[in-house]
Amino acid sequence: MAQRAIVEDARSQSQQKPVRPVDLVHLTKQCLGDEHLELEVLRLFDTTLSTYFGRLKLATAFDDLAINLHSIKGAAAGVGAWGVSDLAAGLEKDLRAGRPLTPERIADLSIAVEEVRDFIARMLVTQEA
């Protein structure tokens, strides 16, 4: 009974913490603690994300959809944008299984992409000030 209460308390506490769109601990590890490199990686990721998501929205052929989703998934995982990576992975899996990509799921990915891009923009402005 006590263990259950501890687990439920831990769940409620973890649900209350805001989750950043980019896992900064992961990014720091990837960049070996170099803050300037972290900012440059975020700038590059922002451009990459914008490019591939723009291409995804225009894609109609299977190969175009697959390559753009795969690129988004990999780039997002590299910097720790787990929400974007997970959504792109789910869409990629559905596509490969022959299931259609619904507008709602693309919209979900779009929202996650915008959250990450806004987060990056705020980080870059904060660091430049």
Protein backbone atom coordinates (compact mmCIF):
# COMPACT_ATOMS: atom_id res chain seq x y z
CA MET A 1 0.00 0.00 0.00
CA ALA A 2 2.80 2.42 0.87
CA GLN A 3 4.59 1.65 -2.40
CA ARG A 4 1.43 2.41 -4.35
CA ALA A 5 1.10 5.77 -2.60
CA ILE A 6 4.73 6.59 -3.41
CA VAL A 7 4.26 5.67 -7.07
CA GLU A 8 1.06 7.72 -7.33
CA ASP A 9 2.76 10.68 -5.62
CA ALA A 10 5.71 10.41 -8.02
CA ARG A 11 3.32 10.33 -10.99
CA SER A 12 1.46 13.41 -9.81
CA GLN A 13 4.71 15.30 -9.26
CA SER A 14 6.07 14.36 -12.68
CA GLN A 15 2.82 15.43 -14.32
CA GLN A 16 3.08 18.85 -12.70
CA LYS A 17 6.58 19.63 -14.00
CA PRO A 18 6.62 21.48 -17.29
CA VAL A 19 8.54 19.61 -19.95
CA ARG A 20 10.76 21.60 -22.24
CA PRO A 21 10.40 20.93 -25.96
CA VAL A 22 14.16 20.26 -26.10
CA ASP A 23 15.93 18.10 -23.52
CA LEU A 24 18.76 20.46 -22.57
CA VAL A 25 20.59 17.81 -20.57
CA HIS A 26 20.73 15.58 -23.66
CA LEU A 27 21.83 18.52 -25.82
CA THR A 28 24.58 19.42 -23.35
CA LYS A 29 25.87 15.84 -23.42
CA GLN A 30 25.79 15.79 -27.22
CA CYS A 31 27.78 19.04 -27.33
CA LEU A 32 30.18 18.00 -24.55
CA GLY A 33 29.12 20.97 -22.43
CA ASP A 34 30.14 23.60 -25.00
CA GLU A 35 27.43 26.29 -24.74
CA HIS A 36 28.41 27.98 -28.00
CA LEU A 37 28.18 24.66 -29.82
CA GLU A 38 24.76 24.04 -28.26
CA LEU A 39 23.47 27.33 -29.65
CA GLU A 40 24.92 26.62 -33.08
CA VAL A 41 23.38 23.13 -33.09
CA LEU A 42 20.01 24.64 -32.12
CA ARG A 43 20.30 27.18 -34.97
CA LEU A 44 21.07 24.40 -37.45
CA PHE A 45 18.30 22.20 -36.09
CA ASP A 46 15.81 25.04 -36.39
CA THR A 47 16.71 25.48 -40.06
CA THR A 48 16.63 21.72 -40.68
CA LEU A 49 13.28 21.33 -38.97
CA SER A 50 11.76 24.20 -40.91
CA THR A 51 13.07 22.84 -44.21
CA TYR A 52 11.99 19.23 -43.78
CA PHE A 53 8.61 20.06 -42.27
CA GLY A 54 7.95 22.44 -45.16
CA ARG A 55 8.83 19.67 -47.60
CA LEU A 56 6.66 17.21 -45.67
CA LYS A 57 3.63 19.47 -46.01
CA LEU A 58 4.11 19.54 -49.79
CA ALA A 59 4.94 15.85 -50.22
CA THR A 60 2.47 13.46 -51.82
CA ALA A 61 4.62 10.51 -52.89
CA PHE A 62 5.50 7.75 -50.45
CA ASP A 63 9.26 8.24 -50.84
CA ASP A 64 9.02 11.99 -50.25
CA LEU A 65 6.86 11.52 -47.16
CA ALA A 66 9.15 8.80 -45.81
CA ILE A 67 12.43 10.70 -46.27
CA ASN A 68 11.07 13.89 -44.71
CA LEU A 69 9.58 12.09 -41.71
CA HIS A 70 12.76 10.09 -41.22
CA SER A 71 14.89 13.25 -41.42
CA ILE A 72 12.69 15.07 -38.90
CA LYS A 73 12.76 12.07 -36.56
CA GLY A 74 16.54 11.73 -36.66
CA ALA A 75 17.35 15.41 -36.35
CA ALA A 76 14.92 15.82 -33.45
CA ALA A 77 16.36 12.82 -31.61
CA GLY A 78 19.87 14.21 -32.06
CA VAL A 79 19.09 17.38 -30.11
CA GLY A 80 16.63 15.85 -27.65
CA ALA A 81 13.35 17.14 -29.14
CA TRP A 82 11.65 13.92 -28.06
CA GLY A 83 8.08 15.04 -28.74
CA VAL A 84 8.82 15.85 -32.36
CA SER A 85 10.92 12.71 -32.77
CA ASP A 86 8.20 10.46 -31.31
CA LEU A 87 5.44 12.00 -33.43
CA ALA A 88 7.53 11.71 -36.60
CA ALA A 89 8.41 8.11 -35.73
CA GLY A 90 4.73 7.25 -35.28
CA LEU A 91 3.84 8.82 -38.61
CA GLU A 92 6.73 7.05 -40.31
CA LYS A 93 5.61 3.72 -38.84
CA ASP A 94 2.03 4.28 -40.03
CA LEU A 95 3.23 5.24 -43.49
CA ARG A 96 5.38 2.13 -43.81
CA ALA A 97 2.46 -0.01 -42.61
CA GLY A 98 0.30 1.40 -45.40
CA ARG A 99 -1.90 3.49 -43.16
CA PRO A 100 -2.81 6.98 -44.37
CA LEU A 101 -1.32 10.01 -42.68
CA THR A 102 -4.32 11.85 -41.31
CA PRO A 103 -4.45 15.65 -41.31
CA GLU A 104 -4.93 15.53 -37.52
CA ARG A 105 -1.64 13.69 -36.98
CA ILE A 106 0.20 16.05 -39.32
CA ALA A 107 -1.34 18.95 -37.35
CA ASP A 108 -0.09 17.37 -34.10
CA LEU A 109 3.42 17.25 -35.56
CA SER A 110 3.05 20.83 -36.76
CA ILE A 111 2.17 21.99 -33.24
CA ALA A 112 5.16 20.16 -31.77
CA VAL A 113 7.44 21.64 -34.44
CA GLU A 114 6.22 25.16 -33.68
CA GLU A 115 6.71 24.63 -29.93
CA VAL A 116 10.30 23.53 -30.52
CA ARG A 117 11.01 26.39 -32.92
CA ASP A 118 9.55 28.93 -30.47
CA PHE A 119 11.62 27.44 -27.65
CA ILE A 120 14.79 27.67 -29.77
CA ALA A 121 14.01 31.26 -30.74
CA ARG A 122 13.58 32.21 -27.08
CA MET A 123 16.85 30.49 -26.15
CA LEU A 124 18.75 32.25 -28.90
CA VAL A 125 17.34 35.68 -27.96
CA THR A 126 18.14 35.08 -24.28
CA GLN A 127 21.74 34.11 -25.07
CA GLU A 128 22.30 37.05 -27.40
CA ALA A 129 21.00 39.60 -24.89
